[in-house]
Amino acid sequence: MSRSSERGGVASTVAAPPRWLDEREHAAWRAFLAMYAQLTAKLTKELKRETGLSGADYAVLVGVSESPGGRIRANVLCDELQWEKSRLSKQVSRMEQRGLLARDICPTDARGSLVVLTDLGRRTIEQAAPLHVEQVRRWFVDALTAGQLDDLTAVSRAVIARLDEGD
């Protein structure tokens, strides 16, 4: 946080001193970062090897396939994935070329578009999901006790709630 003051018509900002992490906080943060990076890399590598899908392909297919009728507004999908519009547009274009997705005009908003799952896209996610969930179970769920899973859920929800406060 910073404090501002105005002197003689010129605003100055005085930065508060950083609140450095103590040893325990630093260890927790670094362990989280390492776990996230390694887990994501492992899951992405195995997903690509087993299904030919990238992590981005899979994330988009999940988002579209879980939507009613396999159709979702592009802006809603952007929000769900926490992606920029341009990133989603490029990803959908690549997946359209492979026959996994199609775009449609939104009937309620001519400026909006729908991302639509094709038959090939549905078959692809139906084949990939069981393989991916088995890897999630192997590398993540089975490494934790039931209590640790509950604790992780609580921790994740607390951080998400804090992040939502900032919006």
N, C-alpha and C. Protein backbone atom coordinates (compact mmCIF):
# COMPACT_ATOMS: atom_id res chain seq x y z
N MET A 1 0.85 -1.17 0.00
CA MET A 1 0.00 0.00 0.00
C MET A 1 0.89 1.24 0.00
N SER A 2 0.35 2.31 -0.45
CA SER A 2 1.12 3.55 -0.43
C SER A 2 0.25 4.64 0.15
N ARG A 3 0.91 5.65 0.63
CA ARG A 3 0.23 6.82 1.16
C ARG A 3 0.53 7.99 0.24
N SER A 4 -0.49 8.76 -0.07
CA SER A 4 -0.29 9.93 -0.93
C SER A 4 -0.49 11.19 -0.12
N SER A 5 0.25 12.18 -0.48
CA SER A 5 0.04 13.50 0.10
C SER A 5 0.26 14.51 -1.01
N GLU A 6 -0.33 15.66 -0.83
CA GLU A 6 -0.17 16.69 -1.85
C GLU A 6 0.53 17.88 -1.22
N ARG A 7 1.64 18.28 -1.87
CA ARG A 7 2.40 19.42 -1.39
C ARG A 7 2.59 20.38 -2.53
N GLY A 8 2.07 21.57 -2.36
CA GLY A 8 2.28 22.61 -3.37
C GLY A 8 1.75 22.22 -4.73
N GLY A 9 0.60 21.48 -4.77
CA GLY A 9 0.01 21.10 -6.05
C GLY A 9 0.64 19.87 -6.68
N VAL A 10 1.67 19.29 -6.03
CA VAL A 10 2.32 18.11 -6.58
C VAL A 10 2.05 16.94 -5.64
N ALA A 11 1.48 15.89 -6.18
CA ALA A 11 1.20 14.71 -5.36
C ALA A 11 2.48 13.90 -5.24
N SER A 12 2.75 13.44 -4.04
CA SER A 12 3.88 12.55 -3.84
C SER A 12 3.37 11.26 -3.22
N THR A 13 4.03 10.19 -3.52
CA THR A 13 3.63 8.90 -2.99
C THR A 13 4.78 8.36 -2.16
N VAL A 14 4.44 7.99 -0.94
CA VAL A 14 5.43 7.39 -0.05
C VAL A 14 5.04 5.94 0.13
N ALA A 15 5.88 5.07 -0.34
CA ALA A 15 5.57 3.65 -0.25
C ALA A 15 5.77 3.15 1.17
N ALA A 16 4.83 2.33 1.59
CA ALA A 16 4.98 1.69 2.89
C ALA A 16 6.10 0.66 2.77
N PRO A 17 6.83 0.42 3.85
CA PRO A 17 7.89 -0.58 3.76
C PRO A 17 7.29 -1.95 3.45
N PRO A 18 8.01 -2.77 2.70
CA PRO A 18 7.48 -4.10 2.36
C PRO A 18 7.31 -4.95 3.61
N ARG A 19 6.27 -5.74 3.60
CA ARG A 19 6.03 -6.69 4.69
C ARG A 19 6.64 -8.01 4.25
N TRP A 20 7.94 -8.18 4.48
CA TRP A 20 8.66 -9.37 4.04
C TRP A 20 8.08 -10.62 4.67
N LEU A 21 8.15 -11.70 3.94
CA LEU A 21 7.68 -12.98 4.46
C LEU A 21 8.67 -13.52 5.47
N ASP A 22 8.15 -14.06 6.55
CA ASP A 22 9.05 -14.72 7.50
C ASP A 22 9.39 -16.11 6.94
N GLU A 23 10.22 -16.83 7.66
CA GLU A 23 10.71 -18.12 7.16
C GLU A 23 9.57 -19.11 6.89
N ARG A 24 8.62 -19.18 7.79
CA ARG A 24 7.48 -20.09 7.64
C ARG A 24 6.62 -19.69 6.45
N GLU A 25 6.31 -18.41 6.33
CA GLU A 25 5.50 -17.91 5.22
C GLU A 25 6.20 -18.15 3.89
N HIS A 26 7.50 -17.87 3.86
CA HIS A 26 8.29 -18.07 2.65
C HIS A 26 8.30 -19.54 2.24
N ALA A 27 8.49 -20.42 3.20
CA ALA A 27 8.52 -21.86 2.91
C ALA A 27 7.17 -22.32 2.34
N ALA A 28 6.06 -21.83 2.92
CA ALA A 28 4.73 -22.21 2.43
C ALA A 28 4.51 -21.70 1.00
N TRP A 29 4.89 -20.46 0.75
CA TRP A 29 4.71 -19.88 -0.57
C TRP A 29 5.54 -20.60 -1.62
N ARG A 30 6.81 -20.83 -1.31
CA ARG A 30 7.69 -21.51 -2.27
C ARG A 30 7.26 -22.96 -2.51
N ALA A 31 6.80 -23.63 -1.47
CA ALA A 31 6.32 -25.00 -1.63
C ALA A 31 5.07 -25.03 -2.52
N PHE A 32 4.18 -24.07 -2.31
CA PHE A 32 2.99 -23.98 -3.15
C PHE A 32 3.38 -23.76 -4.61
N LEU A 33 4.28 -22.80 -4.87
CA LEU A 33 4.71 -22.51 -6.24
C LEU A 33 5.36 -23.73 -6.89
N ALA A 34 6.22 -24.40 -6.16
CA ALA A 34 6.90 -25.58 -6.70
C ALA A 34 5.90 -26.69 -6.99
N MET A 35 4.97 -26.93 -6.06
CA MET A 35 3.96 -27.96 -6.26
C MET A 35 3.11 -27.65 -7.48
N TYR A 36 2.65 -26.42 -7.58
CA TYR A 36 1.80 -26.02 -8.71
C TYR A 36 2.53 -26.19 -10.03
N ALA A 37 3.76 -25.71 -10.09
CA ALA A 37 4.54 -25.80 -11.34
C ALA A 37 4.80 -27.25 -11.73
N GLN A 38 5.24 -28.05 -10.77
CA GLN A 38 5.55 -29.45 -11.08
C GLN A 38 4.30 -30.25 -11.42
N LEU A 39 3.23 -30.05 -10.68
CA LEU A 39 2.00 -30.78 -10.93
C LEU A 39 1.42 -30.40 -12.30
N THR A 40 1.39 -29.12 -12.60
CA THR A 40 0.88 -28.66 -13.89
C THR A 40 1.72 -29.21 -15.03
N ALA A 41 3.03 -29.17 -14.89
CA ALA A 41 3.91 -29.69 -15.94
C ALA A 41 3.69 -31.19 -16.14
N LYS A 42 3.58 -31.94 -15.05
CA LYS A 42 3.38 -33.38 -15.13
C LYS A 42 2.05 -33.71 -15.80
N LEU A 43 0.98 -33.06 -15.36
CA LEU A 43 -0.33 -33.33 -15.92
C LEU A 43 -0.40 -32.94 -17.40
N THR A 44 0.20 -31.81 -17.74
CA THR A 44 0.19 -31.34 -19.12
C THR A 44 0.97 -32.29 -20.02
N LYS A 45 2.13 -32.73 -19.56
CA LYS A 45 2.96 -33.65 -20.35
C LYS A 45 2.22 -34.97 -20.58
N GLU A 46 1.61 -35.51 -19.54
CA GLU A 46 0.92 -36.79 -19.67
C GLU A 46 -0.36 -36.64 -20.51
N LEU A 47 -1.04 -35.53 -20.38
CA LEU A 47 -2.23 -35.27 -21.20
C LEU A 47 -1.85 -35.23 -22.68
N LYS A 48 -0.79 -34.52 -22.99
CA LYS A 48 -0.34 -34.42 -24.38
C LYS A 48 0.08 -35.79 -24.92
N ARG A 49 0.83 -36.52 -24.12
CA ARG A 49 1.31 -37.84 -24.55
C ARG A 49 0.15 -38.81 -24.77
N GLU A 50 -0.82 -38.81 -23.87
CA GLU A 50 -1.90 -39.79 -23.93
C GLU A 50 -3.03 -39.41 -24.88
N THR A 51 -3.25 -38.10 -25.08
CA THR A 51 -4.43 -37.68 -25.85
C THR A 51 -4.11 -36.78 -27.03
N GLY A 52 -2.90 -36.20 -27.05
CA GLY A 52 -2.56 -35.24 -28.09
C GLY A 52 -3.08 -33.85 -27.81
N LEU A 53 -3.77 -33.67 -26.69
CA LEU A 53 -4.32 -32.36 -26.32
C LEU A 53 -3.35 -31.58 -25.46
N SER A 54 -3.29 -30.29 -25.70
CA SER A 54 -2.53 -29.42 -24.80
C SER A 54 -3.39 -29.13 -23.57
N GLY A 55 -2.78 -28.56 -22.56
CA GLY A 55 -3.55 -28.15 -21.38
C GLY A 55 -4.61 -27.13 -21.73
N ALA A 56 -4.30 -26.22 -22.64
CA ALA A 56 -5.27 -25.21 -23.08
C ALA A 56 -6.42 -25.86 -23.84
N ASP A 57 -6.09 -26.82 -24.72
CA ASP A 57 -7.14 -27.55 -25.45
C ASP A 57 -8.11 -28.18 -24.45
N TYR A 58 -7.54 -28.87 -23.48
CA TYR A 58 -8.35 -29.59 -22.50
C TYR A 58 -9.22 -28.63 -21.70
N ALA A 59 -8.65 -27.53 -21.24
CA ALA A 59 -9.40 -26.55 -20.44
C ALA A 59 -10.59 -26.01 -21.23
N VAL A 60 -10.38 -25.69 -22.49
CA VAL A 60 -11.48 -25.17 -23.32
C VAL A 60 -12.53 -26.25 -23.55
N LEU A 61 -12.10 -27.46 -23.87
CA LEU A 61 -13.06 -28.54 -24.09
C LEU A 61 -13.89 -28.82 -22.84
N VAL A 62 -13.27 -28.78 -21.68
CA VAL A 62 -14.01 -28.99 -20.43
C VAL A 62 -15.05 -27.88 -20.26
N GLY A 63 -14.62 -26.63 -20.42
CA GLY A 63 -15.54 -25.51 -20.24
C GLY A 63 -16.72 -25.56 -21.18
N VAL A 64 -16.49 -25.90 -22.44
CA VAL A 64 -17.57 -25.95 -23.42
C VAL A 64 -18.44 -27.18 -23.18
N SER A 65 -17.81 -28.33 -22.92
CA SER A 65 -18.58 -29.57 -22.76
C SER A 65 -19.46 -29.55 -21.52
N GLU A 66 -19.09 -28.80 -20.50
CA GLU A 66 -19.88 -28.73 -19.27
C GLU A 66 -20.99 -27.69 -19.35
N SER A 67 -21.07 -26.97 -20.45
CA SER A 67 -22.11 -25.97 -20.65
C SER A 67 -23.34 -26.62 -21.28
N PRO A 68 -24.53 -26.10 -20.97
CA PRO A 68 -25.75 -26.67 -21.54
C PRO A 68 -25.69 -26.74 -23.06
N GLY A 69 -25.94 -27.90 -23.60
CA GLY A 69 -25.95 -28.08 -25.04
C GLY A 69 -24.58 -27.99 -25.70
N GLY A 70 -23.50 -27.98 -24.88
CA GLY A 70 -22.16 -27.86 -25.44
C GLY A 70 -21.94 -26.53 -26.14
N ARG A 71 -22.58 -25.47 -25.63
CA ARG A 71 -22.49 -24.13 -26.20
C ARG A 71 -22.28 -23.14 -25.05
N ILE A 72 -21.37 -22.19 -25.24
CA ILE A 72 -21.11 -21.21 -24.20
C ILE A 72 -20.70 -19.89 -24.83
N ARG A 73 -21.13 -18.80 -24.24
CA ARG A 73 -20.71 -17.48 -24.70
C ARG A 73 -19.20 -17.37 -24.52
N ALA A 74 -18.55 -16.81 -25.50
CA ALA A 74 -17.09 -16.67 -25.44
C ALA A 74 -16.66 -15.87 -24.22
N ASN A 75 -17.37 -14.79 -23.91
CA ASN A 75 -16.97 -13.97 -22.76
C ASN A 75 -17.15 -14.72 -21.44
N VAL A 76 -18.14 -15.60 -21.36
CA VAL A 76 -18.34 -16.40 -20.15
C VAL A 76 -17.20 -17.40 -20.02
N LEU A 77 -16.80 -18.01 -21.14
CA LEU A 77 -15.68 -18.96 -21.11
C LEU A 77 -14.39 -18.24 -20.72
N CYS A 78 -14.19 -17.04 -21.23
CA CYS A 78 -13.02 -16.24 -20.83
C CYS A 78 -12.98 -16.05 -19.32
N ASP A 79 -14.12 -15.70 -18.75
CA ASP A 79 -14.20 -15.49 -17.30
C ASP A 79 -13.90 -16.78 -16.54
N GLU A 80 -14.48 -17.89 -16.99
CA GLU A 80 -14.26 -19.17 -16.31
C GLU A 80 -12.79 -19.58 -16.35
N LEU A 81 -12.14 -19.37 -17.48
CA LEU A 81 -10.75 -19.78 -17.65
C LEU A 81 -9.76 -18.73 -17.13
N GLN A 82 -10.26 -17.53 -16.84
CA GLN A 82 -9.40 -16.41 -16.43
C GLN A 82 -8.43 -16.06 -17.55
N TRP A 83 -8.92 -16.04 -18.77
CA TRP A 83 -8.12 -15.74 -19.96
C TRP A 83 -8.55 -14.41 -20.55
N GLU A 84 -7.64 -13.82 -21.30
CA GLU A 84 -7.95 -12.63 -22.08
C GLU A 84 -8.72 -13.06 -23.33
N LYS A 85 -9.52 -12.15 -23.86
CA LYS A 85 -10.33 -12.44 -25.05
C LYS A 85 -9.47 -12.88 -26.23
N SER A 86 -8.33 -12.22 -26.43
CA SER A 86 -7.47 -12.56 -27.57
C SER A 86 -6.89 -13.96 -27.44
N ARG A 87 -6.55 -14.36 -26.22
CA ARG A 87 -6.01 -15.71 -26.02
C ARG A 87 -7.07 -16.76 -26.37
N LEU A 88 -8.29 -16.55 -25.88
CA LEU A 88 -9.35 -17.50 -26.18
C LEU A 88 -9.64 -17.54 -27.68
N SER A 89 -9.67 -16.38 -28.30
CA SER A 89 -9.96 -16.32 -29.74
C SER A 89 -8.94 -17.13 -30.53
N LYS A 90 -7.67 -16.97 -30.22
CA LYS A 90 -6.62 -17.71 -30.92
C LYS A 90 -6.72 -19.21 -30.65
N GLN A 91 -7.00 -19.57 -29.40
CA GLN A 91 -7.13 -20.99 -29.04
C GLN A 91 -8.32 -21.62 -29.76
N VAL A 92 -9.45 -20.93 -29.77
CA VAL A 92 -10.64 -21.45 -30.44
C VAL A 92 -10.38 -21.59 -31.93
N SER A 93 -9.68 -20.64 -32.52
CA SER A 93 -9.35 -20.73 -33.96
C SER A 93 -8.54 -21.98 -34.25
N ARG A 94 -7.53 -22.25 -33.42
CA ARG A 94 -6.72 -23.46 -33.62
C ARG A 94 -7.57 -24.73 -33.48
N MET A 95 -8.47 -24.72 -32.51
CA MET A 95 -9.31 -25.89 -32.27
C MET A 95 -10.39 -26.04 -33.35
N GLU A 96 -10.84 -24.92 -33.91
CA GLU A 96 -11.77 -24.97 -35.04
C GLU A 96 -11.10 -25.65 -36.24
N GLN A 97 -9.85 -25.30 -36.49
CA GLN A 97 -9.12 -25.89 -37.62
C GLN A 97 -8.99 -27.40 -37.48
N ARG A 98 -8.97 -27.88 -36.25
CA ARG A 98 -8.86 -29.32 -35.99
C ARG A 98 -10.22 -30.00 -35.89
N GLY A 99 -11.30 -29.22 -36.01
CA GLY A 99 -12.65 -29.77 -35.99
C GLY A 99 -13.21 -30.03 -34.62
N LEU A 100 -12.57 -29.51 -33.57
CA LEU A 100 -13.02 -29.76 -32.20
C LEU A 100 -14.13 -28.80 -31.75
N LEU A 101 -14.11 -27.59 -32.30
CA LEU A 101 -15.04 -26.55 -31.92
C LEU A 101 -15.54 -25.83 -33.16
N ALA A 102 -16.64 -25.10 -32.98
CA ALA A 102 -17.15 -24.20 -34.01
C ALA A 102 -17.59 -22.92 -33.30
N ARG A 103 -17.75 -21.88 -34.07
CA ARG A 103 -18.29 -20.62 -33.52
C ARG A 103 -19.66 -20.40 -34.12
N ASP A 104 -20.50 -19.74 -33.31
CA ASP A 104 -21.84 -19.43 -33.77
C ASP A 104 -22.17 -18.02 -33.29
N ILE A 105 -23.09 -17.40 -33.98
CA ILE A 105 -23.55 -16.07 -33.58
C ILE A 105 -24.45 -16.23 -32.37
N CYS A 106 -24.30 -15.34 -31.42
CA CYS A 106 -25.14 -15.37 -30.23
C CYS A 106 -26.52 -14.80 -30.60
N PRO A 107 -27.59 -15.57 -30.39
CA PRO A 107 -28.91 -15.09 -30.79
C PRO A 107 -29.42 -13.91 -29.97
N THR A 108 -28.89 -13.71 -28.78
CA THR A 108 -29.36 -12.62 -27.92
C THR A 108 -28.46 -11.39 -27.96
N ASP A 109 -27.30 -11.49 -28.62
CA ASP A 109 -26.37 -10.36 -28.68
C ASP A 109 -25.50 -10.51 -29.93
N ALA A 110 -25.79 -9.73 -30.94
CA ALA A 110 -25.09 -9.84 -32.22
C ALA A 110 -23.59 -9.58 -32.08
N ARG A 111 -23.19 -8.86 -31.03
CA ARG A 111 -21.75 -8.60 -30.82
C ARG A 111 -21.04 -9.78 -30.18
N GLY A 112 -21.81 -10.66 -29.56
CA GLY A 112 -21.23 -11.80 -28.87
C GLY A 112 -21.18 -13.02 -29.76
N SER A 113 -20.37 -13.97 -29.36
CA SER A 113 -20.31 -15.23 -30.11
C SER A 113 -20.38 -16.40 -29.13
N LEU A 114 -20.79 -17.52 -29.70
CA LEU A 114 -20.86 -18.75 -28.94
C LEU A 114 -19.73 -19.67 -29.38
N VAL A 115 -19.17 -20.38 -28.45
CA VAL A 115 -18.21 -21.44 -28.75
C VAL A 115 -19.00 -22.73 -28.62
N VAL A 116 -18.94 -23.55 -29.66
CA VAL A 116 -19.80 -24.73 -29.75
C VAL A 116 -18.93 -25.98 -29.91
N LEU A 117 -19.24 -27.00 -29.13
CA LEU A 117 -18.55 -28.27 -29.20
C LEU A 117 -19.05 -29.06 -30.40
N THR A 118 -18.15 -29.54 -31.24
CA THR A 118 -18.53 -30.38 -32.37
C THR A 118 -18.63 -31.83 -31.90
N ASP A 119 -19.12 -32.70 -32.78
CA ASP A 119 -19.18 -34.12 -32.43
C ASP A 119 -17.78 -34.67 -32.16
N LEU A 120 -16.81 -34.25 -32.98
CA LEU A 120 -15.43 -34.68 -32.75
C LEU A 120 -14.91 -34.15 -31.42
N GLY A 121 -15.24 -32.92 -31.09
CA GLY A 121 -14.84 -32.34 -29.80
C GLY A 121 -15.43 -33.11 -28.64
N ARG A 122 -16.70 -33.50 -28.76
CA ARG A 122 -17.35 -34.29 -27.70
C ARG A 122 -16.67 -35.64 -27.55
N ARG A 123 -16.41 -36.33 -28.63
CA ARG A 123 -15.72 -37.63 -28.55
C ARG A 123 -14.32 -37.46 -27.95
N THR A 124 -13.65 -36.39 -28.33
CA THR A 124 -12.29 -36.15 -27.84
C THR A 124 -12.28 -35.94 -26.33
N ILE A 125 -13.16 -35.09 -25.81
CA ILE A 125 -13.17 -34.84 -24.37
C ILE A 125 -13.66 -36.08 -23.62
N GLU A 126 -14.57 -36.83 -24.19
CA GLU A 126 -15.05 -38.06 -23.53
C GLU A 126 -13.94 -39.11 -23.44
N GLN A 127 -13.03 -39.13 -24.40
CA GLN A 127 -11.90 -40.06 -24.35
C GLN A 127 -10.79 -39.53 -23.42
N ALA A 128 -10.58 -38.23 -23.42
CA ALA A 128 -9.48 -37.64 -22.65
C ALA A 128 -9.78 -37.54 -21.16
N ALA A 129 -11.02 -37.24 -20.81
CA ALA A 129 -11.36 -36.98 -19.40
C ALA A 129 -11.02 -38.14 -18.46
N PRO A 130 -11.37 -39.39 -18.78
CA PRO A 130 -11.02 -40.48 -17.86
C PRO A 130 -9.50 -40.63 -17.67
N LEU A 131 -8.75 -40.42 -18.74
CA LEU A 131 -7.29 -40.52 -18.64
C LEU A 131 -6.74 -39.39 -17.77
N HIS A 132 -7.26 -38.18 -17.98
CA HIS A 132 -6.78 -37.03 -17.22
C HIS A 132 -7.13 -37.15 -15.74
N VAL A 133 -8.36 -37.54 -15.46
CA VAL A 133 -8.77 -37.64 -14.05
C VAL A 133 -7.97 -38.71 -13.33
N GLU A 134 -7.58 -39.77 -14.02
CA GLU A 134 -6.74 -40.79 -13.40
C GLU A 134 -5.38 -40.21 -13.03
N GLN A 135 -4.84 -39.35 -13.88
CA GLN A 135 -3.56 -38.71 -13.57
C GLN A 135 -3.70 -37.72 -12.41
N VAL A 136 -4.80 -36.99 -12.37
CA VAL A 136 -5.06 -36.07 -11.25
C VAL A 136 -5.14 -36.88 -9.96
N ARG A 137 -5.84 -37.99 -10.02
CA ARG A 137 -5.93 -38.85 -8.84
C ARG A 137 -4.54 -39.37 -8.45
N ARG A 138 -3.79 -39.86 -9.41
CA ARG A 138 -2.48 -40.46 -9.12
C ARG A 138 -1.51 -39.46 -8.49
N TRP A 139 -1.40 -38.28 -9.10
CA TRP A 139 -0.37 -37.33 -8.68
C TRP A 139 -0.83 -36.34 -7.63
N PHE A 140 -2.13 -36.18 -7.43
CA PHE A 140 -2.62 -35.17 -6.49
C PHE A 140 -3.47 -35.78 -5.39
N VAL A 141 -4.61 -36.31 -5.74
CA VAL A 141 -5.58 -36.78 -4.73
C VAL A 141 -4.99 -37.88 -3.87
N ASP A 142 -4.37 -38.89 -4.49
CA ASP A 142 -3.85 -40.02 -3.72
C ASP A 142 -2.62 -39.67 -2.88
N ALA A 143 -2.02 -38.51 -3.11
CA ALA A 143 -0.88 -38.08 -2.30
C ALA A 143 -1.32 -37.47 -0.98
N LEU A 144 -2.61 -37.19 -0.84
CA LEU A 144 -3.12 -36.47 0.33
C LEU A 144 -4.09 -37.33 1.13
N THR A 145 -4.15 -37.06 2.42
CA THR A 145 -5.16 -37.70 3.26
C THR A 145 -6.48 -36.96 3.07
N ALA A 146 -7.56 -37.56 3.56
CA ALA A 146 -8.87 -36.90 3.49
C ALA A 146 -8.83 -35.56 4.23
N GLY A 147 -8.16 -35.53 5.37
CA GLY A 147 -8.03 -34.28 6.13
C GLY A 147 -7.25 -33.22 5.37
N GLN A 148 -6.18 -33.64 4.70
CA GLN A 148 -5.40 -32.69 3.92
C GLN A 148 -6.21 -32.14 2.74
N LEU A 149 -7.02 -32.99 2.11
CA LEU A 149 -7.88 -32.52 1.04
C LEU A 149 -8.87 -31.48 1.56
N ASP A 150 -9.45 -31.75 2.73
CA ASP A 150 -10.38 -30.79 3.34
C ASP A 150 -9.67 -29.48 3.67
N ASP A 151 -8.46 -29.58 4.24
CA ASP A 151 -7.69 -28.38 4.57
C ASP A 151 -7.34 -27.59 3.31
N LEU A 152 -6.94 -28.29 2.25
CA LEU A 152 -6.59 -27.61 1.01
C LEU A 152 -7.80 -26.91 0.41
N THR A 153 -8.96 -27.55 0.50
CA THR A 153 -10.19 -26.92 0.02
C THR A 153 -10.46 -25.65 0.80
N ALA A 154 -10.33 -25.70 2.11
CA ALA A 154 -10.57 -24.52 2.95
C ALA A 154 -9.56 -23.41 2.65
N VAL A 155 -8.30 -23.78 2.50
CA VAL A 155 -7.26 -22.79 2.18
C VAL A 155 -7.55 -22.15 0.83
N SER A 156 -7.86 -22.96 -0.16
CA SER A 156 -8.14 -22.44 -1.50
C SER A 156 -9.32 -21.49 -1.48
N ARG A 157 -10.37 -21.86 -0.79
CA ARG A 157 -11.55 -20.99 -0.70
C ARG A 157 -11.25 -19.68 0.02
N ALA A 158 -10.40 -19.73 1.03
CA ALA A 158 -10.04 -18.50 1.75
C ALA A 158 -9.25 -17.55 0.84
N VAL A 159 -8.34 -18.08 0.07
CA VAL A 159 -7.54 -17.25 -0.83
C VAL A 159 -8.44 -16.69 -1.94
N ILE A 160 -9.31 -17.51 -2.48
CA ILE A 160 -10.24 -17.04 -3.52
C ILE A 160 -11.14 -15.95 -2.98
N ALA A 161 -11.64 -16.10 -1.77
CA ALA A 161 -12.49 -15.07 -1.16
C ALA A 161 -11.72 -13.76 -1.02
N ARG A 162 -10.46 -13.83 -0.62
CA ARG A 162 -9.63 -12.63 -0.49
C ARG A 162 -9.42 -11.98 -1.86
N LEU A 163 -9.18 -12.79 -2.86
CA LEU A 163 -8.99 -12.27 -4.21
C LEU A 163 -10.27 -11.60 -4.73
N ASP A 164 -11.41 -12.21 -4.41
CA ASP A 164 -12.70 -11.64 -4.83
C ASP A 164 -12.96 -10.30 -4.17
N GLU A 165 -12.46 -10.13 -2.95
CA GLU A 165 -12.63 -8.84 -2.26
C GLU A 165 -11.94 -7.71 -3.00
N GLY A 166 -10.84 -8.05 -3.68
CA GLY A 166 -10.06 -7.04 -4.39
C GLY A 166 -10.68 -6.60 -5.71
N ASP A 167 -11.70 -7.31 -6.18
CA ASP A 167 -12.33 -6.97 -7.46
C ASP A 167 -13.32 -5.86 -7.34
